[in-house]
Each structure stands twice: as C-alpha cells, then as structure tokens.
Amino acid sequence: MSNRMFQNIVNQLYETVNKTIGIIDETAVIIACSNADRIGEVVDGITNEFFVAMQPLVVEGKTFYPIGGNGTRAEYAVFVDGYDVESLQYAKVLSISFKNVKLYFDEKYDKGNFIKNVIMDNILPGDIYLKSRELRFKSEATRVCLLVKITSRTDISVYDVIQNLFPDKAKDFVINISETDIAVVKEVKPNVASTDLEKLAGSIVDTLSSEFYTHCIVGIGTVVSGVKDLARSFKEAQMSLEVSKVFDTEKTVANYDNLGIARLIYQLPTTLCDMFLREVFKRGTIESLDQENLFTIQRFFENNLNVSETSRKLFIHRNTLVYRLEKIKKITGLDLREFEDAIVFKVALMVRKYLTSSPMKY
C-alpha cells in the first residue's frame, strides 16, 4: 500500500484522536506519522516476533498494535502516543481501520492481486493492459509461472517461506491459490535456460524439505513475454503436476517443456485410448503378461533396447532375455527388438497407465 495513502489517513484521524499516531512497516521504520518530522525513523525494540505474535507492545512510551497481514504475519503496525488503557483502545481501533483500508486498496490497486486475477482468468482480456497501465505494471517483461503443491501436512506458513525465497516484490509475486497450492510468478531473462528454471524449482523443494520437513512438488509453465499470457503459463504448470502425478510419481519438479509424449496422451479422450489399446493388442492384452515379463520390458526400455546391457543389469544370461522377448512377442505380436514395435509398446504402456489413473473424461 502507498505510504502517501497511509499519511493522508493519519492526518485525518489525528484531528479526532488528538494523540501522536503513526504507522511502521515490517522493518520498524516509521512510514507515516502525525508528526511528519519522525517519518523515516527506526523504532528500536520492535522485533520480528512482534509482527508474528499479533499482540500489542509498549515501546518508548508508545502503544504499538499490528495491522493484520497476509497469512500469519503482519506487514505493518500502528502506534499511539501513550501506554494507558485509552491508548490501547485507540491502537486497536486504528489497527482495524487501517486493515480495512488496506484490504480495499489492495483489491483495487495491488499488483499481486492483479496478477492473481490474471492467472486465474478473473479479468477480461481487454482490461488487462488497461489495469497494467493504471498500476504502472511492466506488462511486456518476460516471466514464468511456477506452481508449488504441498503434499504433506505442515505447521509452518509455506507462503511466508516462499516469499522469503523471492524477496524482490517489484518483480516476483507469490500468490496463495488454495490451502495446498502457491503460485510464483517470476520475472526472468528472455533467454533463460530450462535447466535454470528446474534448478530454481528444485531449490524450493530442497528448502522446504531440508529446513522445514515439508514435502512438495513444483510444476513449471513455459516462459511468456506478456502479462496476458501468464494465465497460459499457470495452466501449463498445473498440467505439469497432473501429468507428473500419472506418469512420473518420483519426480519433485515437473517441467511443461519436458513432458513429451506424456502430455499428448494426457490430453487424449479416454475413448480413443481404449480404441488404441484394442488395436495394438489384438492377439493378447497387457494383462496376459506376468510381473517378470513386465519388469523385463521396463529394464529393456531403460537400457535403450540393448540386449547385452539389459541381461547384464538383470543378472541373467543373454539367451534367457532373448527367450523372454520371444515370449512377449508371441503373446502381444510385438517384437521389442524392433524399433517401431518398441515405440508402439512404450506408448501403449503409458496409455494403460493413464487409463488406470482414473483420468478426467473429455
């Protein structure tokens, strides 16, 4: 919220309260005060715990009261000269008043709220650039959307932790989507590498896991160059998590650019998937294969269809592996040693996995 807006309200309220009143930010700097000479001063004795505790505090003969903030931490605090019951009551009333003013201001002018409306498609396309100019928002900057999904119960404020990881509030925006989902809209260089974005997402996972014992997965959308396309990047980050949940449950970072054929399969109607499986396995179904054969197939694909390498990794004789591959060919009609048949079988396995994950119907 604008310091000028705070100052205007302080000036109006001073005539009613008739006590020195003011507001400090989260660094304990006075940003608005009925005594203009004090603006810019740092108040000693105000700690980080004060903004977290959300309780009144008396410092230097003044009563301080936090102004409700985002999550569990206040962003500002009001103070009133004096430390008697009357000063405390004034501080409480002023805190509530400023909180309501701030909520109204944020709703109308705050950039973070604007970004949230953009990625959630809650603003008309024609209004996006008008609002950008009103907020003096750099609309053509290159940005990317990351979606953090919390997968374990936690007692910490993940929102606050992620905000601390992205302190540049002028360029990066951390947005609460739901109890488990937090979006990060980050400004990046136009030529940013995909690997750099994955490292960034990995650092979020590592920080939450190692320091706060909170598990999460992060989806990465594509890099976009206009604010209007942020909604697309957000939807891509969402899809990355959904596709990863079906096809690669071990990954903690899912990049939309690297989803490959899994993304295509995920977008197919289930009726087409059923039809494809019936056409591929005319002779026999995948269910006809036992666990040993399925495990062999998995290792064969992991070793790039190399018979010798696969048999070595499986600790079996080469002829034993060839026998198993012949058995699979007899059941399914597909020879996995042939590249085209191997591709068809690989896709069929992914389609089957998609269908058994109870996908949405299209």
Protein backbone atom coordinates (compact mmCIF):
# COMPACT_ATOMS: atom_id res chain seq x y z
CA MET A 1 0.00 0.00 0.00
CA SER A 2 1.17 3.55 -0.76
CA ASN A 3 2.87 5.41 2.11
CA ARG A 4 1.20 8.57 0.84
CA MET A 5 -2.20 6.94 1.30
CA PHE A 6 -1.28 5.97 4.87
CA GLN A 7 -0.11 9.52 5.59
CA ASN A 8 -3.34 11.06 4.29
CA ILE A 9 -5.41 8.83 6.58
CA VAL A 10 -3.14 9.51 9.57
CA ASN A 11 -3.56 13.26 9.05
CA GLN A 12 -7.35 12.92 9.03
CA LEU A 13 -7.50 10.66 12.09
CA TYR A 14 -5.13 12.83 14.13
CA GLU A 15 -7.79 15.52 14.42
CA THR A 16 -10.11 13.01 16.11
CA VAL A 17 -7.60 11.09 18.26
CA ASN A 18 -5.62 14.17 19.33
CA LYS A 19 -2.58 11.99 20.09
CA THR A 20 0.55 11.40 18.07
CA ILE A 21 -0.21 8.42 15.84
CA GLY A 22 1.67 6.71 13.06
CA ILE A 23 2.50 3.53 11.18
CA ILE A 24 5.67 1.44 10.92
CA ASP A 25 6.49 -1.16 8.28
CA GLU A 26 7.90 -4.65 8.88
CA THR A 27 11.43 -3.19 9.25
CA ALA A 28 10.24 -0.92 12.13
CA VAL A 29 10.65 2.23 10.01
CA ILE A 30 8.03 4.95 10.54
CA ILE A 31 6.37 5.41 7.15
CA ALA A 32 3.52 7.70 8.22
CA CYS A 33 3.10 9.88 11.31
CA SER A 34 1.05 12.83 12.54
CA ASN A 35 4.44 14.34 13.44
CA ALA A 36 5.99 14.50 9.97
CA ASP A 37 9.50 15.03 11.40
CA ARG A 38 9.54 11.43 12.66
CA ILE A 39 8.92 9.83 9.27
CA GLY A 40 11.91 7.66 8.33
CA GLU A 41 13.00 6.97 11.91
CA VAL A 42 13.63 3.38 13.02
CA VAL A 43 11.90 2.30 16.24
CA ASP A 44 14.26 0.34 18.48
CA GLY A 45 12.78 -2.60 20.35
CA ILE A 46 10.46 -3.79 17.56
CA THR A 47 11.42 -7.34 16.60
CA ASN A 48 10.25 -9.85 14.01
CA GLU A 49 8.41 -11.75 16.77
CA PHE A 50 6.14 -8.73 17.31
CA PHE A 51 4.82 -8.96 13.73
CA VAL A 52 4.29 -12.71 14.10
CA ALA A 53 2.68 -12.64 17.57
CA MET A 54 0.00 -10.13 16.51
CA GLN A 55 -0.18 -8.74 20.08
CA PRO A 56 0.13 -5.13 21.38
CA LEU A 57 3.51 -3.89 22.60
CA VAL A 58 4.65 -0.81 24.52
CA VAL A 59 7.95 0.69 23.33
CA GLU A 60 9.38 4.15 24.07
CA GLY A 61 6.14 5.22 25.78
CA LYS A 62 4.01 4.32 22.77
CA THR A 63 1.49 1.52 22.24
CA PHE A 64 2.08 -0.49 19.08
CA TYR A 65 -0.58 -2.74 17.55
CA PRO A 66 -0.06 -4.90 14.41
CA ILE A 67 -2.21 -4.36 11.35
CA GLY A 68 -3.46 -7.78 10.17
CA GLY A 69 -1.36 -9.01 7.26
CA ASN A 70 -1.09 -11.93 4.85
CA GLY A 71 -1.09 -15.36 6.44
CA THR A 72 0.27 -15.42 10.00
CA ARG A 73 2.45 -12.30 9.84
CA ALA A 74 1.57 -8.60 9.95
CA GLU A 75 3.02 -6.26 7.34
CA TYR A 76 2.52 -3.02 9.26
CA ALA A 77 1.77 -1.79 12.79
CA VAL A 78 0.03 1.31 14.10
CA PHE A 79 1.28 3.22 17.14
CA VAL A 80 -0.35 5.71 19.51
CA ASP A 81 1.44 8.02 21.94
CA GLY A 82 0.89 6.74 25.50
CA TYR A 83 0.64 3.40 27.22
CA ASP A 84 -2.60 3.62 29.18
CA VAL A 85 -5.90 1.81 28.55
CA GLU A 86 -7.15 4.63 26.35
CA SER A 87 -4.05 4.44 24.12
CA LEU A 88 -4.50 0.69 23.78
CA GLN A 89 -8.14 1.11 22.75
CA TYR A 90 -7.18 3.77 20.20
CA ALA A 91 -4.46 1.48 18.82
CA LYS A 92 -6.92 -1.43 18.42
CA VAL A 93 -9.49 0.71 16.62
CA LEU A 94 -6.86 2.27 14.35
CA SER A 95 -5.44 -1.18 13.55
CA ILE A 96 -8.86 -2.41 12.42
CA SER A 97 -9.48 0.76 10.41
CA PHE A 98 -6.14 0.61 8.61
CA LYS A 99 -6.57 -3.10 7.91
CA ASN A 100 -9.90 -2.46 6.17
CA VAL A 101 -8.45 0.44 4.21
CA LYS A 102 -5.51 -1.72 3.17
CA LEU A 103 -7.81 -4.55 2.02
CA TYR A 104 -9.76 -2.10 -0.12
CA PHE A 105 -6.58 -0.58 -1.50
CA ASP A 106 -5.09 -3.99 -2.31
CA GLU A 107 -8.28 -5.09 -4.01
CA LYS A 108 -8.26 -2.04 -6.26
CA TYR A 109 -4.58 -1.29 -6.78
CA ASP A 110 -2.31 -4.06 -5.54
CA LYS A 111 -0.16 -5.69 -8.24
CA GLY A 112 -0.18 -9.06 -6.54
CA ASN A 113 -3.97 -9.14 -6.57
CA PHE A 114 -3.89 -8.07 -10.21
CA ILE A 115 -1.53 -10.94 -11.11
CA LYS A 116 -3.76 -13.41 -9.26
CA ASN A 117 -6.78 -12.25 -11.26
CA VAL A 118 -4.78 -12.62 -14.48
CA ILE A 119 -3.56 -16.19 -13.89
CA MET A 120 -6.98 -17.28 -12.59
CA ASP A 121 -8.75 -15.78 -15.62
CA ASN A 122 -10.77 -13.47 -13.37
CA ILE A 123 -10.20 -10.38 -15.50
CA LEU A 124 -11.38 -9.64 -19.02
CA PRO A 125 -8.58 -9.74 -21.64
CA GLY A 126 -9.41 -6.21 -22.72
CA ASP A 127 -8.99 -4.91 -19.17
CA ILE A 128 -5.57 -6.48 -18.57
CA TYR A 129 -3.46 -3.84 -20.30
CA LEU A 130 -5.66 -1.01 -19.02
CA LYS A 131 -5.09 -2.23 -15.47
CA SER A 132 -1.36 -2.68 -16.19
CA ARG A 133 -1.03 0.97 -17.15
CA GLU A 134 -3.05 2.05 -14.11
CA LEU A 135 -0.73 0.11 -11.80
CA ARG A 136 2.38 1.07 -13.80
CA PHE A 137 2.98 -2.63 -14.21
CA LYS A 138 5.72 -3.75 -16.59
CA SER A 139 3.40 -5.75 -18.83
CA GLU A 140 5.89 -6.87 -21.51
CA ALA A 141 8.51 -8.32 -19.16
CA THR A 142 9.48 -11.98 -19.58
CA ARG A 143 8.00 -14.11 -16.82
CA VAL A 144 7.30 -17.72 -15.92
CA CYS A 145 4.76 -19.27 -13.60
CA LEU A 146 5.68 -21.96 -11.07
CA LEU A 147 3.08 -23.84 -9.05
CA VAL A 148 4.09 -25.27 -5.66
CA LYS A 149 1.83 -28.05 -4.37
CA ILE A 150 2.27 -29.08 -0.73
CA THR A 151 2.00 -32.88 -0.40
CA SER A 152 2.49 -33.28 3.36
CA ARG A 153 0.90 -31.78 6.44
CA THR A 154 2.84 -28.88 7.91
CA ASP A 155 2.61 -26.41 10.78
CA ILE A 156 4.65 -23.70 9.09
CA SER A 157 3.45 -20.91 6.80
CA VAL A 158 4.77 -22.15 3.46
CA TYR A 159 3.61 -18.89 1.89
CA ASP A 160 5.96 -16.89 4.14
CA VAL A 161 8.86 -19.25 3.46
CA ILE A 162 8.44 -18.93 -0.31
CA GLN A 163 8.07 -15.16 -0.04
CA ASN A 164 11.45 -15.05 1.70
CA LEU A 165 12.93 -17.01 -1.20
CA PHE A 166 11.67 -14.33 -3.62
CA PRO A 167 12.24 -11.03 -1.77
CA ASP A 168 12.05 -8.76 -4.84
CA LYS A 169 8.36 -7.84 -4.58
CA ALA A 170 8.62 -5.45 -7.52
CA LYS A 171 9.46 -8.27 -9.94
CA ASP A 172 8.37 -11.55 -8.32
CA PHE A 173 4.92 -12.36 -6.99
CA VAL A 174 3.97 -15.13 -4.56
CA ILE A 175 0.24 -15.87 -4.61
CA ASN A 176 -1.93 -18.11 -2.44
CA ILE A 177 -4.16 -20.24 -4.67
CA SER A 178 -5.50 -22.72 -2.10
CA GLU A 179 -4.51 -24.41 1.14
CA THR A 180 -2.03 -26.61 -0.73
CA ASP A 181 -1.18 -24.58 -3.85
CA ILE A 182 1.03 -21.49 -4.08
CA ALA A 183 1.87 -19.81 -7.39
CA VAL A 184 5.13 -17.99 -8.04
CA VAL A 185 5.23 -15.55 -10.96
CA LYS A 186 8.89 -14.72 -11.54
CA GLU A 187 10.49 -12.27 -13.92
CA VAL A 188 13.30 -13.96 -15.86
CA LYS A 189 15.71 -13.20 -18.67
CA PRO A 190 14.28 -13.75 -22.17
CA ASN A 191 16.84 -16.47 -22.94
CA VAL A 192 16.63 -18.26 -19.59
CA ALA A 193 17.53 -21.95 -19.89
CA SER A 194 15.04 -24.64 -18.98
CA THR A 195 17.63 -26.22 -16.70
CA ASP A 196 17.94 -22.96 -14.73
CA LEU A 197 14.19 -22.95 -14.09
CA GLU A 198 14.38 -26.56 -12.91
CA LYS A 199 17.22 -25.64 -10.54
CA LEU A 200 15.10 -22.79 -9.18
CA ALA A 201 12.14 -25.12 -8.63
CA GLY A 202 14.49 -27.69 -7.08
CA SER A 203 15.76 -25.10 -4.60
CA ILE A 204 12.16 -24.52 -3.41
CA VAL A 205 11.69 -28.27 -2.92
CA ASP A 206 15.04 -28.63 -1.12
CA THR A 207 14.46 -25.64 1.19
CA LEU A 208 11.02 -26.81 2.30
CA SER A 209 12.20 -30.40 2.69
CA SER A 210 15.55 -29.93 4.41
CA GLU A 211 14.80 -26.90 6.60
CA PHE A 212 11.09 -27.28 7.35
CA TYR A 213 10.43 -31.01 6.74
CA THR A 214 7.64 -30.13 4.33
CA HIS A 215 7.30 -32.08 1.08
CA CYS A 216 6.10 -30.52 -2.13
CA ILE A 217 6.23 -30.83 -5.91
CA VAL A 218 6.71 -27.90 -8.30
CA GLY A 219 5.24 -27.51 -11.78
CA ILE A 220 6.86 -25.16 -14.30
CA GLY A 221 4.97 -23.46 -17.13
CA THR A 222 6.52 -22.01 -20.27
CA VAL A 223 8.26 -18.63 -20.32
CA VAL A 224 5.96 -15.89 -21.66
CA SER A 225 6.68 -12.32 -22.72
CA GLY A 226 3.36 -10.63 -21.98
CA VAL A 227 1.19 -10.36 -18.88
CA LYS A 228 -1.79 -11.61 -20.88
CA ASP A 229 -0.07 -14.99 -21.40
CA LEU A 230 0.58 -15.59 -17.70
CA ALA A 231 -2.73 -17.46 -17.46
CA ARG A 232 -1.42 -19.92 -20.05
CA SER A 233 1.86 -20.40 -18.17
CA PHE A 234 -0.11 -21.04 -14.96
CA LYS A 235 -2.35 -23.64 -16.65
CA GLU A 236 0.76 -25.32 -18.07
CA ALA A 237 2.28 -25.51 -14.59
CA GLN A 238 -0.97 -27.10 -13.38
CA MET A 239 -0.90 -29.62 -16.22
CA SER A 240 2.75 -30.43 -15.49
CA LEU A 241 1.78 -31.51 -11.97
CA GLU A 242 -1.20 -33.53 -13.20
CA VAL A 243 0.81 -35.33 -15.87
CA SER A 244 3.67 -35.98 -13.46
CA LYS A 245 1.22 -37.45 -10.95
CA VAL A 246 0.18 -40.03 -13.56
CA PHE A 247 3.40 -40.86 -15.40
CA ASP A 248 6.30 -39.98 -13.09
CA THR A 249 5.37 -40.02 -9.42
CA GLU A 250 9.01 -39.99 -8.27
CA LYS A 251 9.78 -36.52 -9.66
CA THR A 252 9.50 -33.44 -7.45
CA VAL A 253 9.90 -30.99 -10.36
CA ALA A 254 7.71 -31.22 -13.48
CA ASN A 255 8.60 -29.01 -16.44
CA TYR A 256 5.93 -28.49 -19.11
CA ASP A 257 8.63 -28.27 -21.79
CA ASN A 258 9.86 -31.78 -20.90
CA LEU A 259 6.57 -33.65 -20.64
CA GLY A 260 6.97 -35.05 -24.15
CA ILE A 261 4.54 -37.71 -25.28
CA ALA A 262 3.02 -37.93 -21.79
CA ARG A 263 1.41 -34.53 -22.36
CA LEU A 264 -0.13 -35.71 -25.62
CA ILE A 265 -1.55 -38.85 -24.03
CA TYR A 266 -2.95 -36.90 -21.08
CA GLN A 267 -4.93 -34.69 -23.46
CA LEU A 268 -6.45 -37.59 -25.42
CA PRO A 269 -10.08 -38.65 -24.87
CA THR A 270 -10.31 -41.93 -22.96
CA THR A 271 -12.40 -43.47 -25.75
CA LEU A 272 -9.51 -43.02 -28.19
CA CYS A 273 -7.11 -44.52 -25.66
CA ASP A 274 -9.29 -47.62 -25.25
CA MET A 275 -9.52 -47.97 -29.02
CA PHE A 276 -5.74 -47.68 -29.37
CA LEU A 277 -5.09 -50.42 -26.82
CA ARG A 278 -7.54 -52.77 -28.53
CA GLU A 279 -5.86 -52.18 -31.89
CA VAL A 280 -2.34 -52.67 -30.54
CA PHE A 281 -3.04 -55.81 -28.58
CA LYS A 282 -5.20 -57.75 -30.97
CA ARG A 283 -3.52 -61.02 -30.16
CA GLY A 284 -3.36 -60.64 -26.38
CA THR A 285 -3.68 -57.94 -23.74
CA ILE A 286 -1.04 -56.49 -21.43
CA GLU A 287 -2.80 -58.30 -18.60
CA SER A 288 -1.61 -61.55 -20.19
CA LEU A 289 1.96 -60.63 -19.23
CA ASP A 290 3.18 -61.62 -15.78
CA GLN A 291 5.22 -59.35 -13.47
CA GLU A 292 8.51 -60.91 -14.58
CA ASN A 293 7.85 -60.03 -18.20
CA LEU A 294 6.69 -56.50 -17.35
CA PHE A 295 9.82 -55.94 -15.27
CA THR A 296 11.96 -57.25 -18.12
CA ILE A 297 10.25 -54.87 -20.55
CA GLN A 298 10.84 -51.92 -18.24
CA ARG A 299 14.56 -52.69 -17.94
CA PHE A 300 14.83 -53.29 -21.68
CA PHE A 301 13.47 -49.79 -22.37
CA GLU A 302 15.69 -48.24 -19.70
CA ASN A 303 18.74 -49.72 -21.45
CA ASN A 304 17.77 -48.41 -24.90
CA LEU A 305 16.75 -51.82 -26.32
CA ASN A 306 20.26 -53.15 -25.77
CA VAL A 307 20.01 -56.92 -25.20
CA SER A 308 23.51 -57.37 -23.78
CA GLU A 309 23.30 -54.43 -21.38
CA THR A 310 19.82 -55.40 -20.19
CA SER A 311 20.80 -59.01 -19.50
CA ARG A 312 23.82 -57.77 -17.56
CA LYS A 313 21.69 -55.44 -15.44
CA LEU A 314 19.16 -58.21 -14.82
CA PHE A 315 21.94 -60.70 -13.93
CA ILE A 316 20.60 -63.24 -16.43
CA HIS A 317 22.09 -64.95 -19.48
CA ARG A 318 21.64 -63.21 -22.81
CA ASN A 319 19.75 -66.21 -24.18
CA THR A 320 17.33 -66.04 -21.24
CA LEU A 321 16.49 -62.45 -22.12
CA VAL A 322 16.02 -63.37 -25.78
CA TYR A 323 13.68 -66.17 -24.70
CA ARG A 324 11.61 -63.73 -22.65
CA LEU A 325 11.41 -61.26 -25.54
CA GLU A 326 10.26 -64.06 -27.84
CA LYS A 327 7.60 -64.99 -25.31
CA ILE A 328 6.40 -61.37 -25.18
CA LYS A 329 6.27 -61.30 -28.98
CA LYS A 330 4.21 -64.48 -29.02
CA ILE A 331 1.69 -63.04 -26.54
CA THR A 332 1.38 -59.48 -27.93
CA GLY A 333 2.53 -59.77 -31.51
CA LEU A 334 5.15 -57.07 -30.93
CA ASP A 335 8.89 -57.66 -31.19
CA LEU A 336 10.51 -55.23 -28.78
CA ARG A 337 13.86 -55.61 -30.54
CA GLU A 338 12.30 -53.80 -33.50
CA PHE A 339 12.33 -50.03 -33.01
CA GLU A 340 8.81 -49.37 -34.34
CA ASP A 341 7.27 -52.16 -32.28
CA ALA A 342 9.12 -50.90 -29.20
CA ILE A 343 7.71 -47.39 -29.69
CA VAL A 344 4.17 -48.72 -30.03
CA PHE A 345 4.56 -50.87 -26.92
CA LYS A 346 6.04 -47.99 -24.90
CA VAL A 347 3.16 -45.70 -25.82
CA ALA A 348 0.67 -48.47 -25.06
CA LEU A 349 2.12 -48.88 -21.57
CA MET A 350 1.78 -45.15 -20.96
CA VAL A 351 -1.80 -45.12 -22.28
CA ARG A 352 -2.69 -48.02 -19.98
CA LYS A 353 -1.13 -46.18 -17.03
CA TYR A 354 -3.16 -43.09 -17.93
CA LEU A 355 -6.43 -45.04 -18.07
CA THR A 356 -5.82 -46.79 -14.76
CA SER A 357 -5.19 -43.42 -13.05
CA SER A 358 -8.90 -42.53 -13.36
CA PRO A 359 -8.42 -39.56 -15.72
CA MET A 360 -10.96 -36.83 -16.31
CA LYS A 361 -13.37 -37.53 -19.15
CA TYR A 362 -13.18 -35.22 -22.13
